[in-house]
């Protein structure tokens, strides 16, 4: 499931740079991209929820934590060693003041499994 989330993040970044930024400008494209990725993560979690074998809150929190750690690992390793970004550039994703909502995305990744579980439980 995390691989699907990572692919959504990559597609979201390509969409931001090639479509949103030229149309809206980078200042608005960055937070819009963060919001759209957060929504995509929640949708992927919801659609693939039946693949999660868990029935307690701790399991869902641990899954979300695993996804966050994988995301951070990917962001730093892929960004630096594959894309060639500087460490300073990579750490800029944490600058919420400039409109980067990566921290919000990480929170959504963390809580999505638990949130979907709670919603599904309420709907039973």
PDB file of N, CA and C in Angstrom:
ATOM      1  N   UNK A   1       0.818  -1.193   0.000  1.00  0.00           N
ATOM      2  CA  UNK A   1       0.000   0.000   0.000  1.00  0.00           C
ATOM      3  C   UNK A   1       0.865   1.263   0.000  1.00  0.00           C
ATOM      4  N   UNK A   2       1.976   1.205   0.743  1.00  0.00           N
ATOM      5  CA  UNK A   2       2.831   2.384   0.777  1.00  0.00           C
ATOM      6  C   UNK A   2       3.424   2.677  -0.595  1.00  0.00           C
ATOM      7  N   UNK A   3       3.716   1.656  -1.368  1.00  0.00           N
ATOM      8  CA  UNK A   3       4.268   1.870  -2.710  1.00  0.00           C
ATOM      9  C   UNK A   3       3.264   2.642  -3.561  1.00  0.00           C
ATOM     10  N   UNK A   4       2.004   2.320  -3.422  1.00  0.00           N
ATOM     11  CA  UNK A   4       0.961   3.053  -4.150  1.00  0.00           C
ATOM     12  C   UNK A   4       0.938   4.516  -3.688  1.00  0.00           C
ATOM     13  N   UNK A   5       1.067   4.726  -2.383  1.00  0.00           N
ATOM     14  CA  UNK A   5       1.120   6.088  -1.852  1.00  0.00           C
ATOM     15  C   UNK A   5       2.329   6.829  -2.417  1.00  0.00           C
ATOM     16  N   UNK A   6       3.479   6.158  -2.467  1.00  0.00           N
ATOM     17  CA  UNK A   6       4.694   6.783  -3.015  1.00  0.00           C
ATOM     18  C   UNK A   6       4.508   7.133  -4.488  1.00  0.00           C
ATOM     19  N   UNK A   7       3.877   6.250  -5.244  1.00  0.00           N
ATOM     20  CA  UNK A   7       3.618   6.530  -6.658  1.00  0.00           C
ATOM     21  C   UNK A   7       2.663   7.721  -6.813  1.00  0.00           C
ATOM     22  N   UNK A   8       1.673   7.802  -5.921  1.00  0.00           N
ATOM     23  CA  UNK A   8       0.763   8.956  -5.932  1.00  0.00           C
ATOM     24  C   UNK A   8       1.542  10.241  -5.641  1.00  0.00           C
ATOM     25  N   UNK A   9       2.478  10.170  -4.712  1.00  0.00           N
ATOM     26  CA  UNK A   9       3.281  11.350  -4.366  1.00  0.00           C
ATOM     27  C   UNK A   9       4.137  11.801  -5.541  1.00  0.00           C
ATOM     28  N   UNK A  10       4.719  10.846  -6.238  1.00  0.00           N
ATOM     29  CA  UNK A  10       5.541  11.180  -7.403  1.00  0.00           C
ATOM     30  C   UNK A  10       4.665  11.798  -8.504  1.00  0.00           C
ATOM     31  N   UNK A  11       3.530  11.174  -8.778  1.00  0.00           N
ATOM     32  CA  UNK A  11       2.610  11.709  -9.790  1.00  0.00           C
ATOM     33  C   UNK A  11       2.112  13.094  -9.389  1.00  0.00           C
ATOM     34  N   UNK A  12       1.843  13.272  -8.102  1.00  0.00           N
ATOM     35  CA  UNK A  12       1.402  14.568  -7.592  1.00  0.00           C
ATOM     36  C   UNK A  12       2.475  15.630  -7.804  1.00  0.00           C
ATOM     37  N   UNK A  13       3.732  15.286  -7.563  1.00  0.00           N
ATOM     38  CA  UNK A  13       4.833  16.221  -7.779  1.00  0.00           C
ATOM     39  C   UNK A  13       4.994  16.600  -9.241  1.00  0.00           C
ATOM     40  N   UNK A  14       4.852  15.610 -10.116  1.00  0.00           N
ATOM     41  CA  UNK A  14       4.940  15.874 -11.559  1.00  0.00           C
ATOM     42  C   UNK A  14       3.785  16.778 -11.983  1.00  0.00           C
ATOM     43  N   UNK A  15       2.597  16.483 -11.487  1.00  0.00           N
ATOM     44  CA  UNK A  15       1.425  17.309 -11.795  1.00  0.00           C
ATOM     45  C   UNK A  15       1.624  18.742 -11.290  1.00  0.00           C
ATOM     46  N   UNK A  16       2.166  18.885 -10.081  1.00  0.00           N
ATOM     47  CA  UNK A  16       2.411  20.214  -9.512  1.00  0.00           C
ATOM     48  C   UNK A  16       3.377  21.012 -10.378  1.00  0.00           C
ATOM     49  N   UNK A  17       4.494  20.386 -10.755  1.00  0.00           N
ATOM     50  CA  UNK A  17       5.533  21.104 -11.497  1.00  0.00           C
ATOM     51  C   UNK A  17       5.137  21.404 -12.938  1.00  0.00           C
ATOM     52  N   UNK A  18       4.389  20.494 -13.567  1.00  0.00           N
ATOM     53  CA  UNK A  18       4.076  20.648 -14.987  1.00  0.00           C
ATOM     54  C   UNK A  18       2.726  21.291 -15.277  1.00  0.00           C
ATOM     55  N   UNK A  19       1.795  21.230 -14.340  1.00  0.00           N
ATOM     56  CA  UNK A  19       0.458  21.770 -14.584  1.00  0.00           C
ATOM     57  C   UNK A  19       0.131  22.904 -13.607  1.00  0.00           C
ATOM     58  N   UNK A  20       0.174  22.596 -12.308  1.00  0.00           N
ATOM     59  CA  UNK A  20      -0.243  23.597 -11.319  1.00  0.00           C
ATOM     60  C   UNK A  20       0.663  24.821 -11.281  1.00  0.00           C
ATOM     61  N   UNK A  21       1.972  24.596 -11.202  1.00  0.00           N
ATOM     62  CA  UNK A  21       2.901  25.733 -11.078  1.00  0.00           C
ATOM     63  C   UNK A  21       2.823  26.691 -12.266  1.00  0.00           C
ATOM     64  N   UNK A  22       2.807  26.196 -13.510  1.00  0.00           N
ATOM     65  CA  UNK A  22       2.689  27.148 -14.627  1.00  0.00           C
ATOM     66  C   UNK A  22       1.357  27.908 -14.637  1.00  0.00           C
ATOM     67  N   UNK A  23       0.289  27.265 -14.168  1.00  0.00           N
ATOM     68  CA  UNK A  23      -1.024  27.905 -14.199  1.00  0.00           C
ATOM     69  C   UNK A  23      -1.246  28.803 -12.978  1.00  0.00           C
ATOM     70  N   UNK A  24      -0.938  28.288 -11.789  1.00  0.00           N
ATOM     71  CA  UNK A  24      -1.233  29.005 -10.548  1.00  0.00           C
ATOM     72  C   UNK A  24      -0.040  29.755  -9.961  1.00  0.00           C
ATOM     73  N   UNK A  25       1.148  29.400 -10.392  1.00  0.00           N
ATOM     74  CA  UNK A  25       2.359  29.940  -9.782  1.00  0.00           C
ATOM     75  C   UNK A  25       2.822  29.014  -8.664  1.00  0.00           C
ATOM     76  N   UNK A  26       4.118  29.017  -8.397  1.00  0.00           N
ATOM     77  CA  UNK A  26       4.670  28.106  -7.392  1.00  0.00           C
ATOM     78  C   UNK A  26       4.137  28.364  -5.991  1.00  0.00           C
ATOM     79  N   UNK A  27       3.860  29.622  -5.681  1.00  0.00           N
ATOM     80  CA  UNK A  27       3.399  29.965  -4.338  1.00  0.00           C
ATOM     81  C   UNK A  27       2.087  29.280  -3.995  1.00  0.00           C
ATOM     82  N   UNK A  28       1.168  29.206  -4.928  1.00  0.00           N
ATOM     83  CA  UNK A  28      -0.120  28.558  -4.703  1.00  0.00           C
ATOM     84  C   UNK A  28      -0.078  27.070  -5.040  1.00  0.00           C
ATOM     85  N   UNK A  29       0.748  26.684  -5.990  1.00  0.00           N
ATOM     86  CA  UNK A  29       0.822  25.281  -6.408  1.00  0.00           C
ATOM     87  C   UNK A  29       1.323  24.367  -5.289  1.00  0.00           C
ATOM     88  N   UNK A  30       2.251  24.855  -4.490  1.00  0.00           N
ATOM     89  CA  UNK A  30       2.839  24.030  -3.439  1.00  0.00           C
ATOM     90  C   UNK A  30       1.818  23.606  -2.385  1.00  0.00           C
ATOM     91  N   UNK A  31       1.067  24.529  -1.775  1.00  0.00           N
ATOM     92  CA  UNK A  31       0.067  24.072  -0.804  1.00  0.00           C
ATOM     93  C   UNK A  31      -1.078  23.280  -1.448  1.00  0.00           C
ATOM     94  N   UNK A  32      -1.470  23.647  -2.671  1.00  0.00           N
ATOM     95  CA  UNK A  32      -2.515  22.883  -3.365  1.00  0.00           C
ATOM     96  C   UNK A  32      -2.068  21.441  -3.572  1.00  0.00           C
ATOM     97  N   UNK A  33      -0.819  21.276  -3.908  1.00  0.00           N
ATOM     98  CA  UNK A  33      -0.248  19.950  -4.108  1.00  0.00           C
ATOM     99  C   UNK A  33      -0.245  19.155  -2.803  1.00  0.00           C
ATOM    100  N   UNK A  34       0.080  19.816  -1.704  1.00  0.00           N
ATOM    101  CA  UNK A  34       0.060  19.144  -0.403  1.00  0.00           C
ATOM    102  C   UNK A  34      -1.334  18.673  -0.030  1.00  0.00           C
ATOM    103  N   UNK A  35      -2.320  19.515  -0.310  1.00  0.00           N
ATOM    104  CA  UNK A  35      -3.706  19.133  -0.025  1.00  0.00           C
ATOM    105  C   UNK A  35      -4.168  17.988  -0.916  1.00  0.00           C
ATOM    106  N   UNK A  36      -3.846  18.061  -2.191  1.00  0.00           N
ATOM    107  CA  UNK A  36      -4.283  16.991  -3.100  1.00  0.00           C
ATOM    108  C   UNK A  36      -3.604  15.665  -2.749  1.00  0.00           C
ATOM    109  N   UNK A  37      -2.344  15.715  -2.351  1.00  0.00           N
ATOM    110  CA  UNK A  37      -1.663  14.476  -1.947  1.00  0.00           C
ATOM    111  C   UNK A  37      -2.276  13.917  -0.673  1.00  0.00           C
ATOM    112  N   UNK A  38      -2.619  14.771   0.269  1.00  0.00           N
ATOM    113  CA  UNK A  38      -3.259  14.312   1.506  1.00  0.00           C
ATOM    114  C   UNK A  38      -4.575  13.598   1.202  1.00  0.00           C
ATOM    115  N   UNK A  39      -5.352  14.159   0.301  1.00  0.00           N
ATOM    116  CA  UNK A  39      -6.619  13.534  -0.096  1.00  0.00           C
ATOM    117  C   UNK A  39      -6.353  12.190  -0.776  1.00  0.00           C
ATOM    118  N   UNK A  40      -5.371  12.149  -1.663  1.00  0.00           N
ATOM    119  CA  UNK A  40      -5.032  10.900  -2.363  1.00  0.00           C
ATOM    120  C   UNK A  40      -4.605   9.815  -1.375  1.00  0.00           C
ATOM    121  N   UNK A  41      -3.831  10.187  -0.372  1.00  0.00           N
ATOM    122  CA  UNK A  41      -3.379   9.222   0.634  1.00  0.00           C
ATOM    123  C   UNK A  41      -4.575   8.648   1.384  1.00  0.00           C
ATOM    124  N   UNK A  42      -5.489   9.509   1.764  1.00  0.00           N
ATOM    125  CA  UNK A  42      -6.669   9.035   2.477  1.00  0.00           C
ATOM    126  C   UNK A  42      -7.509   8.113   1.591  1.00  0.00           C
ATOM    127  N   UNK A  43      -7.650   8.455   0.326  1.00  0.00           N
ATOM    128  CA  UNK A  43      -8.427   7.615  -0.601  1.00  0.00           C
ATOM    129  C   UNK A  43      -7.756   6.256  -0.795  1.00  0.00           C
ATOM    130  N   UNK A  44      -6.448   6.238  -0.996  1.00  0.00           N
ATOM    131  CA  UNK A  44      -5.720   4.971  -1.157  1.00  0.00           C
ATOM    132  C   UNK A  44      -5.870   4.121   0.098  1.00  0.00           C
ATOM    133  N   UNK A  45      -5.733   4.741   1.255  1.00  0.00           N
ATOM    134  CA  UNK A  45      -5.888   3.998   2.516  1.00  0.00           C
ATOM    135  C   UNK A  45      -7.291   3.418   2.617  1.00  0.00           C
ATOM    136  N   UNK A  46      -8.288   4.194   2.287  1.00  0.00           N
ATOM    137  CA  UNK A  46      -9.665   3.728   2.360  1.00  0.00           C
ATOM    138  C   UNK A  46      -9.933   2.581   1.381  1.00  0.00           C
ATOM    139  N   UNK A  47      -9.469   2.722   0.151  1.00  0.00           N
ATOM    140  CA  UNK A  47      -9.728   1.705  -0.869  1.00  0.00           C
ATOM    141  C   UNK A  47      -8.993   0.391  -0.591  1.00  0.00           C
ATOM    142  N   UNK A  48      -7.845   0.482   0.036  1.00  0.00           N
ATOM    143  CA  UNK A  48      -7.050  -0.726   0.273  1.00  0.00           C
ATOM    144  C   UNK A  48      -7.118  -1.197   1.727  1.00  0.00           C
ATOM    145  N   UNK A  49      -8.042  -0.663   2.475  1.00  0.00           N
ATOM    146  CA  UNK A  49      -8.103  -0.945   3.909  1.00  0.00           C
ATOM    147  C   UNK A  49      -8.305  -2.427   4.210  1.00  0.00           C
ATOM    148  N   UNK A  50      -9.003  -3.122   3.359  1.00  0.00           N
ATOM    149  CA  UNK A  50      -9.255  -4.549   3.619  1.00  0.00           C
ATOM    150  C   UNK A  50      -7.967  -5.368   3.635  1.00  0.00           C
ATOM    151  N   UNK A  51      -6.883  -4.829   3.101  1.00  0.00           N
ATOM    152  CA  UNK A  51      -5.598  -5.531   3.115  1.00  0.00           C
ATOM    153  C   UNK A  51      -4.883  -5.416   4.464  1.00  0.00           C
ATOM    154  N   UNK A  52      -5.346  -4.512   5.305  1.00  0.00           N
ATOM    155  CA  UNK A  52      -4.729  -4.334   6.624  1.00  0.00           C
ATOM    156  C   UNK A  52      -5.332  -5.345   7.583  1.00  0.00           C
ATOM    157  N   UNK A  53      -4.476  -6.165   8.155  1.00  0.00           N
ATOM    158  CA  UNK A  53      -4.940  -7.130   9.149  1.00  0.00           C
ATOM    159  C   UNK A  53      -4.733  -6.540  10.533  1.00  0.00           C
ATOM    160  N   UNK A  54      -5.741  -5.909  11.017  1.00  0.00           N
ATOM    161  CA  UNK A  54      -5.649  -5.313  12.340  1.00  0.00           C
ATOM    162  C   UNK A  54      -7.027  -5.107  12.910  1.00  0.00           C
ATOM    163  N   UNK A  55      -7.084  -5.097  14.207  1.00  0.00           N
ATOM    164  CA  UNK A  55      -8.373  -4.837  14.830  1.00  0.00           C
ATOM    165  C   UNK A  55      -8.231  -3.992  16.094  1.00  0.00           C
ATOM    166  N   UNK A  56      -7.054  -3.395  16.266  1.00  0.00           N
ATOM    167  CA  UNK A  56      -6.894  -2.513  17.415  1.00  0.00           C
ATOM    168  C   UNK A  56      -6.169  -1.238  16.991  1.00  0.00           C
ATOM    169  N   UNK A  57      -6.313  -0.226  17.793  1.00  0.00           N
ATOM    170  CA  UNK A  57      -5.761   1.083  17.460  1.00  0.00           C
ATOM    171  C   UNK A  57      -4.238   1.046  17.312  1.00  0.00           C
ATOM    172  N   UNK A  58      -3.579   0.274  18.154  1.00  0.00           N
ATOM    173  CA  UNK A  58      -2.119   0.217  18.102  1.00  0.00           C
ATOM    174  C   UNK A  58      -1.636  -0.287  16.746  1.00  0.00           C
ATOM    175  N   UNK A  59      -2.302  -1.284  16.202  1.00  0.00           N
ATOM    176  CA  UNK A  59      -1.918  -1.809  14.887  1.00  0.00           C
ATOM    177  C   UNK A  59      -1.996  -0.719  13.829  1.00  0.00           C
ATOM    178  N   UNK A  60      -3.068   0.040  13.835  1.00  0.00           N
ATOM    179  CA  UNK A  60      -3.248   1.098  12.842  1.00  0.00           C
ATOM    180  C   UNK A  60      -2.240   2.231  13.027  1.00  0.00           C
ATOM    181  N   UNK A  61      -1.937   2.546  14.267  1.00  0.00           N
ATOM    182  CA  UNK A  61      -0.924   3.571  14.538  1.00  0.00           C
ATOM    183  C   UNK A  61       0.447   3.097  14.073  1.00  0.00           C
ATOM    184  N   UNK A  62       0.767   1.824  14.326  1.00  0.00           N
ATOM    185  CA  UNK A  62       2.064   1.284  13.893  1.00  0.00           C
ATOM    186  C   UNK A  62       2.177   1.241  12.372  1.00  0.00           C
ATOM    187  N   UNK A  63       1.097   0.932  11.697  1.00  0.00           N
ATOM    188  CA  UNK A  63       1.102   0.950  10.224  1.00  0.00           C
ATOM    189  C   UNK A  63       1.354   2.374   9.734  1.00  0.00           C
ATOM    190  N   UNK A  64       0.653   3.336  10.304  1.00  0.00           N
ATOM    191  CA  UNK A  64       0.861   4.735   9.927  1.00  0.00           C
ATOM    192  C   UNK A  64       2.289   5.183  10.212  1.00  0.00           C
ATOM    193  N   UNK A  65       2.834   4.782  11.339  1.00  0.00           N
ATOM    194  CA  UNK A  65       4.208   5.129  11.680  1.00  0.00           C
ATOM    195  C   UNK A  65       5.196   4.505  10.695  1.00  0.00           C
ATOM    196  N   UNK A  66       4.944   3.270  10.313  1.00  0.00           N
ATOM    197  CA  UNK A  66       5.794   2.613   9.312  1.00  0.00           C
ATOM    198  C   UNK A  66       5.747   3.379   7.989  1.00  0.00           C
ATOM    199  N   UNK A  67       4.568   3.802   7.578  1.00  0.00           N
ATOM    200  CA  UNK A  67       4.440   4.563   6.333  1.00  0.00           C
ATOM    201  C   UNK A  67       5.186   5.890   6.421  1.00  0.00           C
ATOM    202  N   UNK A  68       5.117   6.552   7.578  1.00  0.00           N
ATOM    203  CA  UNK A  68       5.843   7.820   7.758  1.00  0.00           C
ATOM    204  C   UNK A  68       7.341   7.591   7.637  1.00  0.00           C
ATOM    205  N   UNK A  69       7.850   6.553   8.310  1.00  0.00           N
ATOM    206  CA  UNK A  69       9.289   6.263   8.259  1.00  0.00           C
ATOM    207  C   UNK A  69       9.737   5.921   6.844  1.00  0.00           C
ATOM    208  N   UNK A  70       8.943   5.135   6.129  1.00  0.00           N
ATOM    209  CA  UNK A  70       9.265   4.816   4.730  1.00  0.00           C
ATOM    210  C   UNK A  70       9.259   6.078   3.867  1.00  0.00           C
ATOM    211  N   UNK A  71       8.303   6.949   4.114  1.00  0.00           N
ATOM    212  CA  UNK A  71       8.215   8.197   3.357  1.00  0.00           C
ATOM    213  C   UNK A  71       9.430   9.080   3.606  1.00  0.00           C
ATOM    214  N   UNK A  72       9.818   9.208   4.851  1.00  0.00           N
ATOM    215  CA  UNK A  72      11.002  10.021   5.180  1.00  0.00           C
ATOM    216  C   UNK A  72      12.266   9.410   4.583  1.00  0.00           C
ATOM    217  N   UNK A  73      12.394   8.094   4.684  1.00  0.00           N
ATOM    218  CA  UNK A  73      13.548   7.409   4.095  1.00  0.00           C
ATOM    219  C   UNK A  73      13.599   7.669   2.592  1.00  0.00           C
ATOM    220  N   UNK A  74      12.450   7.517   1.934  1.00  0.00           N
ATOM    221  CA  UNK A  74      12.377   7.743   0.498  1.00  0.00           C
ATOM    222  C   UNK A  74      12.712   9.189   0.160  1.00  0.00           C
ATOM    223  N   UNK A  75      12.138  10.127   0.896  1.00  0.00           N
ATOM    224  CA  UNK A  75      12.364  11.554   0.637  1.00  0.00           C
ATOM    225  C   UNK A  75      13.849  11.897   0.718  1.00  0.00           C
ATOM    226  N   UNK A  76      14.510  11.403   1.741  1.00  0.00           N
ATOM    227  CA  UNK A  76      15.921  11.737   1.934  1.00  0.00           C
ATOM    228  C   UNK A  76      16.838  10.950   1.008  1.00  0.00           C
ATOM    229  N   UNK A  77      16.663   9.642   0.933  1.00  0.00           N
ATOM    230  CA  UNK A  77      17.564   8.807   0.130  1.00  0.00           C
ATOM    231  C   UNK A  77      17.346   9.044  -1.361  1.00  0.00           C
ATOM    232  N   UNK A  78      16.108   8.955  -1.817  1.00  0.00           N
ATOM    233  CA  UNK A  78      15.814   9.168  -3.231  1.00  0.00           C
ATOM    234  C   UNK A  78      16.150  10.602  -3.634  1.00  0.00           C
ATOM    235  N   UNK A  79      15.733  11.545  -2.794  1.00  0.00           N
ATOM    236  CA  UNK A  79      15.973  12.951  -3.108  1.00  0.00           C
ATOM    237  C   UNK A  79      17.447  13.292  -3.216  1.00  0.00           C
ATOM    238  N   UNK A  80      18.251  12.749  -2.321  1.00  0.00           N
ATOM    239  CA  UNK A  80      19.675  13.098  -2.318  1.00  0.00           C
ATOM    240  C   UNK A  80      20.483  12.252  -3.301  1.00  0.00           C
ATOM    241  N   UNK A  81      20.329  10.938  -3.217  1.00  0.00           N
ATOM    242  CA  UNK A  81      21.209  10.046  -3.973  1.00  0.00           C
ATOM    243  C   UNK A  81      20.744   9.751  -5.401  1.00  0.00           C
ATOM    244  N   UNK A  82      19.455   9.882  -5.666  1.00  0.00           N
ATOM    245  CA  UNK A  82      18.958   9.608  -7.019  1.00  0.00           C
ATOM    246  C   UNK A  82      18.714  10.916  -7.786  1.00  0.00           C
ATOM    247  N   UNK A  83      17.973  11.834  -7.170  1.00  0.00           N
ATOM    248  CA  UNK A  83      17.657  13.093  -7.832  1.00  0.00           C
ATOM    249  C   UNK A  83      18.829  14.070  -7.745  1.00  0.00           C
ATOM    250  N   UNK A  84      19.636  13.938  -6.697  1.00  0.00           N
ATOM    251  CA  UNK A  84      20.807  14.790  -6.547  1.00  0.00           C
ATOM    252  C   UNK A  84      20.556  16.094  -5.824  1.00  0.00           C
ATOM    253  N   UNK A  85      19.466  16.164  -5.055  1.00  0.00           N
ATOM    254  CA  UNK A  85      19.173  17.378  -4.294  1.00  0.00           C
ATOM    255  C   UNK A  85      20.170  17.516  -3.148  1.00  0.00           C
ATOM    256  N   UNK A  86      20.457  18.754  -2.790  1.00  0.00           N
ATOM    257  CA  UNK A  86      21.304  18.999  -1.623  1.00  0.00           C
ATOM    258  C   UNK A  86      20.490  18.701  -0.367  1.00  0.00           C
ATOM    259  N   UNK A  87      21.186  18.459   0.740  1.00  0.00           N
ATOM    260  CA  UNK A  87      20.489  18.205   1.998  1.00  0.00           C
ATOM    261  C   UNK A  87      19.673  19.434   2.403  1.00  0.00           C
ATOM    262  N   UNK A  88      20.198  20.617   2.171  1.00  0.00           N
ATOM    263  CA  UNK A  88      19.479  21.848   2.486  1.00  0.00           C
ATOM    264  C   UNK A  88      18.175  21.917   1.710  1.00  0.00           C
ATOM    265  N   UNK A  89      18.235  21.579   0.442  1.00  0.00           N
ATOM    266  CA  UNK A  89      17.047  21.575  -0.409  1.00  0.00           C
ATOM    267  C   UNK A  89      16.023  20.558   0.080  1.00  0.00           C
ATOM    268  N   UNK A  90      16.495  19.406   0.487  1.00  0.00           N
ATOM    269  CA  UNK A  90      15.587  18.359   0.977  1.00  0.00           C
ATOM    270  C   UNK A  90      14.889  18.817   2.254  1.00  0.00           C
ATOM    271  N   UNK A  91      15.622  19.459   3.144  1.00  0.00           N
ATOM    272  CA  UNK A  91      15.024  19.913   4.401  1.00  0.00           C
ATOM    273  C   UNK A  91      14.030  21.050   4.198  1.00  0.00           C
ATOM    274  N   UNK A  92      14.033  21.682   3.037  1.00  0.00           N
ATOM    275  CA  UNK A  92      13.076  22.751   2.748  1.00  0.00           C
ATOM    276  C   UNK A  92      11.635  22.241   2.730  1.00  0.00           C
ATOM    277  N   UNK A  93      11.429  20.939   2.516  1.00  0.00           N
ATOM    278  CA  UNK A  93      10.061  20.411   2.500  1.00  0.00           C
ATOM    279  C   UNK A  93       9.385  20.553   3.860  1.00  0.00           C
ATOM    280  N   UNK A  94      10.160  20.821   4.891  1.00  0.00           N
ATOM    281  CA  UNK A  94       9.600  20.988   6.226  1.00  0.00           C
ATOM    282  C   UNK A  94       9.262  22.452   6.531  1.00  0.00           C
ATOM    283  N   UNK A  95       9.452  23.334   5.555  1.00  0.00           N
ATOM    284  CA  UNK A  95       9.219  24.760   5.753  1.00  0.00           C
ATOM    285  C   UNK A  95       7.766  25.101   5.428  1.00  0.00           C
ATOM    286  N   UNK A  96       6.926  24.979   6.411  1.00  0.00           N
ATOM    287  CA  UNK A  96       5.497  25.223   6.217  1.00  0.00           C
ATOM    288  C   UNK A  96       5.211  26.699   5.943  1.00  0.00           C
ATOM    289  N   UNK A  97       6.105  27.599   6.386  1.00  0.00           N
ATOM    290  CA  UNK A  97       5.935  29.035   6.172  1.00  0.00           C
ATOM    291  C   UNK A  97       5.943  29.373   4.684  1.00  0.00           C
ATOM    292  N   UNK A  98       6.731  28.652   3.895  1.00  0.00           N
ATOM    293  CA  UNK A  98       6.781  28.932   2.455  1.00  0.00           C
ATOM    294  C   UNK A  98       5.686  28.195   1.684  1.00  0.00           C
ATOM    295  N   UNK A  99       4.797  27.516   2.409  1.00  0.00           N
ATOM    296  CA  UNK A  99       3.657  26.872   1.763  1.00  0.00           C
ATOM    297  C   UNK A  99       3.800  25.386   1.547  1.00  0.00           C
ATOM    298  N   UNK A 100       4.918  24.813   1.952  1.00  0.00           N
ATOM    299  CA  UNK A 100       5.103  23.377   1.776  1.00  0.00           C
ATOM    300  C   UNK A 100       4.358  22.641   2.886  1.00  0.00           C
ATOM    301  N   UNK A 101       3.433  21.804   2.516  1.00  0.00           N
ATOM    302  CA  UNK A 101       2.599  21.098   3.484  1.00  0.00           C
ATOM    303  C   UNK A 101       3.065  19.664   3.727  1.00  0.00           C
ATOM    304  N   UNK A 102       4.360  19.399   3.536  1.00  0.00           N
ATOM    305  CA  UNK A 102       4.882  18.052   3.732  1.00  0.00           C
ATOM    306  C   UNK A 102       4.628  17.559   5.155  1.00  0.00           C
ATOM    307  N   UNK A 103       4.721  18.434   6.137  1.00  0.00           N
ATOM    308  CA  UNK A 103       4.430  18.021   7.516  1.00  0.00           C
ATOM    309  C   UNK A 103       2.967  17.589   7.656  1.00  0.00           C
ATOM    310  N   UNK A 104       2.073  18.292   6.998  1.00  0.00           N
ATOM    311  CA  UNK A 104       0.662  17.915   7.008  1.00  0.00           C
ATOM    312  C   UNK A 104       0.484  16.552   6.339  1.00  0.00           C
ATOM    313  N   UNK A 105       1.173  16.350   5.229  1.00  0.00           N
ATOM    314  CA  UNK A 105       1.116  15.066   4.525  1.00  0.00           C
ATOM    315  C   UNK A 105       1.594  13.942   5.442  1.00  0.00           C
ATOM    316  N   UNK A 106       2.669  14.175   6.180  1.00  0.00           N
ATOM    317  CA  UNK A 106       3.170  13.155   7.109  1.00  0.00           C
ATOM    318  C   UNK A 106       2.142  12.830   8.195  1.00  0.00           C
ATOM    319  N   UNK A 107       1.462  13.843   8.687  1.00  0.00           N
ATOM    320  CA  UNK A 107       0.416  13.608   9.698  1.00  0.00           C
ATOM    321  C   UNK A 107      -0.723  12.796   9.089  1.00  0.00           C
ATOM    322  N   UNK A 108      -1.109  13.119   7.869  1.00  0.00           N
ATOM    323  CA  UNK A 108      -2.180  12.374   7.190  1.00  0.00           C
ATOM    324  C   UNK A 108      -1.757  10.923   6.985  1.00  0.00           C
ATOM    325  N   UNK A 109      -0.514  10.715   6.581  1.00  0.00           N
ATOM    326  CA  UNK A 109      -0.007   9.353   6.416  1.00  0.00           C
ATOM    327  C   UNK A 109      -0.083   8.608   7.748  1.00  0.00           C
ATOM    328  N   UNK A 110       0.296   9.268   8.815  1.00  0.00           N
ATOM    329  CA  UNK A 110       0.309   8.645  10.133  1.00  0.00           C
ATOM    330  C   UNK A 110      -1.090   8.254  10.610  1.00  0.00           C
ATOM    331  N   UNK A 111      -2.054   9.141  10.444  1.00  0.00           N
ATOM    332  CA  UNK A 111      -3.378   8.906  11.027  1.00  0.00           C
ATOM    333  C   UNK A 111      -4.374   8.235  10.089  1.00  0.00           C
ATOM    334  N   UNK A 112      -4.079   8.158   8.802  1.00  0.00           N
ATOM    335  CA  UNK A 112      -5.052   7.589   7.853  1.00  0.00           C
ATOM    336  C   UNK A 112      -5.502   6.170   8.202  1.00  0.00           C
ATOM    337  N   UNK A 113      -4.594   5.240   8.519  1.00  0.00           N
ATOM    338  CA  UNK A 113      -5.082   3.894   8.853  1.00  0.00           C
ATOM    339  C   UNK A 113      -6.041   3.895  10.048  1.00  0.00           C
ATOM    340  N   UNK A 114      -5.696   4.624  11.091  1.00  0.00           N
ATOM    341  CA  UNK A 114      -6.555   4.680  12.275  1.00  0.00           C
ATOM    342  C   UNK A 114      -7.863   5.394  11.959  1.00  0.00           C
ATOM    343  N   UNK A 115      -7.794   6.476  11.240  1.00  0.00           N
ATOM    344  CA  UNK A 115      -8.988   7.237  10.897  1.00  0.00           C
ATOM    345  C   UNK A 115      -9.947   6.417  10.035  1.00  0.00           C
ATOM    346  N   UNK A 116      -9.409   5.727   9.046  1.00  0.00           N
ATOM    347  CA  UNK A 116     -10.264   4.878   8.197  1.00  0.00           C
ATOM    348  C   UNK A 116     -10.885   3.757   9.036  1.00  0.00           C
ATOM    349  N   UNK A 117     -10.102   3.159   9.936  1.00  0.00           N
ATOM    350  CA  UNK A 117     -10.622   2.098  10.800  1.00  0.00           C
ATOM    351  C   UNK A 117     -11.780   2.615  11.669  1.00  0.00           C
ATOM    352  N   UNK A 118     -11.614   3.805  12.204  1.00  0.00           N
ATOM    353  CA  UNK A 118     -12.652   4.384  13.042  1.00  0.00           C
ATOM    354  C   UNK A 118     -13.924   4.684  12.224  1.00  0.00           C
ATOM    355  N   UNK A 119     -13.747   5.193  11.022  1.00  0.00           N
ATOM    356  CA  UNK A 119     -14.894   5.477  10.159  1.00  0.00           C
ATOM    357  C   UNK A 119     -15.600   4.193   9.785  1.00  0.00           C
ATOM    358  N   UNK A 120     -14.846   3.180   9.408  1.00  0.00           N
ATOM    359  CA  UNK A 120     -15.461   1.891   9.020  1.00  0.00           C
ATOM    360  C   UNK A 120     -16.192   1.265  10.206  1.00  0.00           C
ATOM    361  N   UNK A 121     -15.639   1.406  11.401  1.00  0.00           N
ATOM    362  CA  UNK A 121     -16.277   0.858  12.606  1.00  0.00           C
ATOM    363  C   UNK A 121     -17.596   1.588  12.885  1.00  0.00           C
ATOM    364  N   UNK A 122     -17.614   2.890  12.685  1.00  0.00           N
ATOM    365  CA  UNK A 122     -18.828   3.677  12.894  1.00  0.00           C
ATOM    366  C   UNK A 122     -19.926   3.299  11.900  1.00  0.00           C
ATOM    367  N   UNK A 123     -19.516   2.930  10.699  1.00  0.00           N
ATOM    368  CA  UNK A 123     -20.496   2.613   9.655  1.00  0.00           C
ATOM    369  C   UNK A 123     -21.061   1.206   9.770  1.00  0.00           C
ATOM    370  N   UNK A 124     -20.504   0.409  10.639  1.00  0.00           N
ATOM    371  CA  UNK A 124     -21.022  -0.972  10.816  1.00  0.00           C
ATOM    372  C   UNK A 124     -22.369  -0.972  11.462  1.00  0.00           C
TER     373      UNK A 124
END
